[in-house]
Amino acid sequence: MQDVELESLLQEAGYLYVPSIGRYRTADATDGDVDYATEDIADQLEIPIDDLMRWEQEQPGPAGRE
């Protein structure tokens, strides 16, 4: 799956990747809100886990490249 497709699926579903914690939050989340693991997001959005993990590693921040 291409990066553009992944970003589009995440955006449409309202999820943001937070590199500092290596997890996802909803776009309207506050610090006290629940975050989601890569596996949960991949299952929910039917994204191949390998593609999502590769995309995460390409993101700037502590969990990805800087």
C-alpha atoms as a PDB file:
ATOM      1  CA  MET A   1       0.000   0.000   0.000  1.00  0.00           C
ATOM      2  CA  GLN A   2       1.332   3.442  -0.881  1.00  0.00           C
ATOM      3  CA  ASP A   3       2.001   6.135   1.698  1.00  0.00           C
ATOM      4  CA  VAL A   4      -0.615   8.430   0.169  1.00  0.00           C
ATOM      5  CA  GLU A   5      -3.266   5.722   0.590  1.00  0.00           C
ATOM      6  CA  LEU A   6      -2.268   5.107   4.210  1.00  0.00           C
ATOM      7  CA  GLU A   7      -2.346   8.790   5.071  1.00  0.00           C
ATOM      8  CA  SER A   8      -5.734   9.168   3.403  1.00  0.00           C
ATOM      9  CA  LEU A   9      -7.242   6.194   5.285  1.00  0.00           C
ATOM     10  CA  LEU A  10      -5.891   7.453   8.616  1.00  0.00           C
ATOM     11  CA  GLN A  11      -7.138  10.978   7.984  1.00  0.00           C
ATOM     12  CA  GLU A  12     -10.602   9.842   6.881  1.00  0.00           C
ATOM     13  CA  ALA A  13     -10.909   7.680  10.002  1.00  0.00           C
ATOM     14  CA  GLY A  14      -9.777  10.588  12.184  1.00  0.00           C
ATOM     15  CA  TYR A  15      -6.518   9.063  13.476  1.00  0.00           C
ATOM     16  CA  LEU A  16      -3.223  10.844  13.991  1.00  0.00           C
ATOM     17  CA  TYR A  17       0.081   9.062  14.516  1.00  0.00           C
ATOM     18  CA  VAL A  18       2.008  10.438  17.512  1.00  0.00           C
ATOM     19  CA  PRO A  19       5.689   9.564  16.953  1.00  0.00           C
ATOM     20  CA  SER A  20       6.699  10.516  20.511  1.00  0.00           C
ATOM     21  CA  ILE A  21       4.598   7.649  21.908  1.00  0.00           C
ATOM     22  CA  GLY A  22       4.526   5.421  18.821  1.00  0.00           C
ATOM     23  CA  ARG A  23       0.736   5.151  18.946  1.00  0.00           C
ATOM     24  CA  TYR A  24      -2.365   6.690  17.387  1.00  0.00           C
ATOM     25  CA  ARG A  25      -4.912   9.098  18.793  1.00  0.00           C
ATOM     26  CA  THR A  26      -8.117  10.467  17.417  1.00  0.00           C
ATOM     27  CA  ALA A  27      -7.824  13.888  15.818  1.00  0.00           C
ATOM     28  CA  ASP A  28      -9.854  15.487  18.618  1.00  0.00           C
ATOM     29  CA  ALA A  29      -8.033  13.713  21.482  1.00  0.00           C
ATOM     30  CA  THR A  30      -6.615  15.397  24.537  1.00  0.00           C
ATOM     31  CA  ASP A  31      -3.704  14.128  26.622  1.00  0.00           C
ATOM     32  CA  GLY A  32      -6.024  12.099  28.841  1.00  0.00           C
ATOM     33  CA  ASP A  33      -7.691  10.290  25.960  1.00  0.00           C
ATOM     34  CA  VAL A  34      -7.047   6.714  24.928  1.00  0.00           C
ATOM     35  CA  ASP A  35      -4.405   5.938  22.342  1.00  0.00           C
ATOM     36  CA  TYR A  36      -4.321   3.004  19.948  1.00  0.00           C
ATOM     37  CA  ALA A  37      -1.636   0.479  19.010  1.00  0.00           C
ATOM     38  CA  THR A  38      -0.494  -0.089  15.437  1.00  0.00           C
ATOM     39  CA  GLU A  39      -2.109  -3.532  15.399  1.00  0.00           C
ATOM     40  CA  ASP A  40      -5.489  -2.088  16.413  1.00  0.00           C
ATOM     41  CA  ILE A  41      -5.415   0.542  13.681  1.00  0.00           C
ATOM     42  CA  ALA A  42      -4.277  -1.954  11.037  1.00  0.00           C
ATOM     43  CA  ASP A  43      -7.117  -4.323  11.963  1.00  0.00           C
ATOM     44  CA  GLN A  44      -9.757  -1.621  12.146  1.00  0.00           C
ATOM     45  CA  LEU A  45      -8.813   0.025   8.838  1.00  0.00           C
ATOM     46  CA  GLU A  46      -7.853  -3.242   7.108  1.00  0.00           C
ATOM     47  CA  ILE A  47      -4.333  -2.003   6.386  1.00  0.00           C
ATOM     48  CA  PRO A  48      -1.520  -4.549   6.038  1.00  0.00           C
ATOM     49  CA  ILE A  49       0.453  -4.303   9.305  1.00  0.00           C
ATOM     50  CA  ASP A  50       3.798  -4.383   7.493  1.00  0.00           C
ATOM     51  CA  ASP A  51       2.833  -1.381   5.387  1.00  0.00           C
ATOM     52  CA  LEU A  52       1.643   0.581   8.403  1.00  0.00           C
ATOM     53  CA  MET A  53       4.793  -0.207  10.393  1.00  0.00           C
ATOM     54  CA  ARG A  54       6.969   0.842   7.437  1.00  0.00           C
ATOM     55  CA  TRP A  55       5.035   4.109   7.157  1.00  0.00           C
ATOM     56  CA  GLU A  56       5.476   4.766  10.889  1.00  0.00           C
ATOM     57  CA  GLN A  57       9.246   4.343  10.604  1.00  0.00           C
ATOM     58  CA  GLU A  58       9.305   7.007   7.900  1.00  0.00           C
ATOM     59  CA  GLN A  59       7.568   9.579  10.103  1.00  0.00           C
ATOM     60  CA  PRO A  60       9.697  12.235  11.810  1.00  0.00           C
ATOM     61  CA  GLY A  61      10.057  12.008  15.571  1.00  0.00           C
ATOM     62  CA  PRO A  62      11.361   9.635  18.253  1.00  0.00           C
ATOM     63  CA  ALA A  63       9.624   6.506  16.912  1.00  0.00           C
ATOM     64  CA  GLY A  64      10.547   7.238  13.299  1.00  0.00           C
ATOM     65  CA  ARG A  65      13.404   8.945  11.530  1.00  0.00           C
ATOM     66  CA  GLU A  66      14.389  12.468  12.428  1.00  0.00           C
END
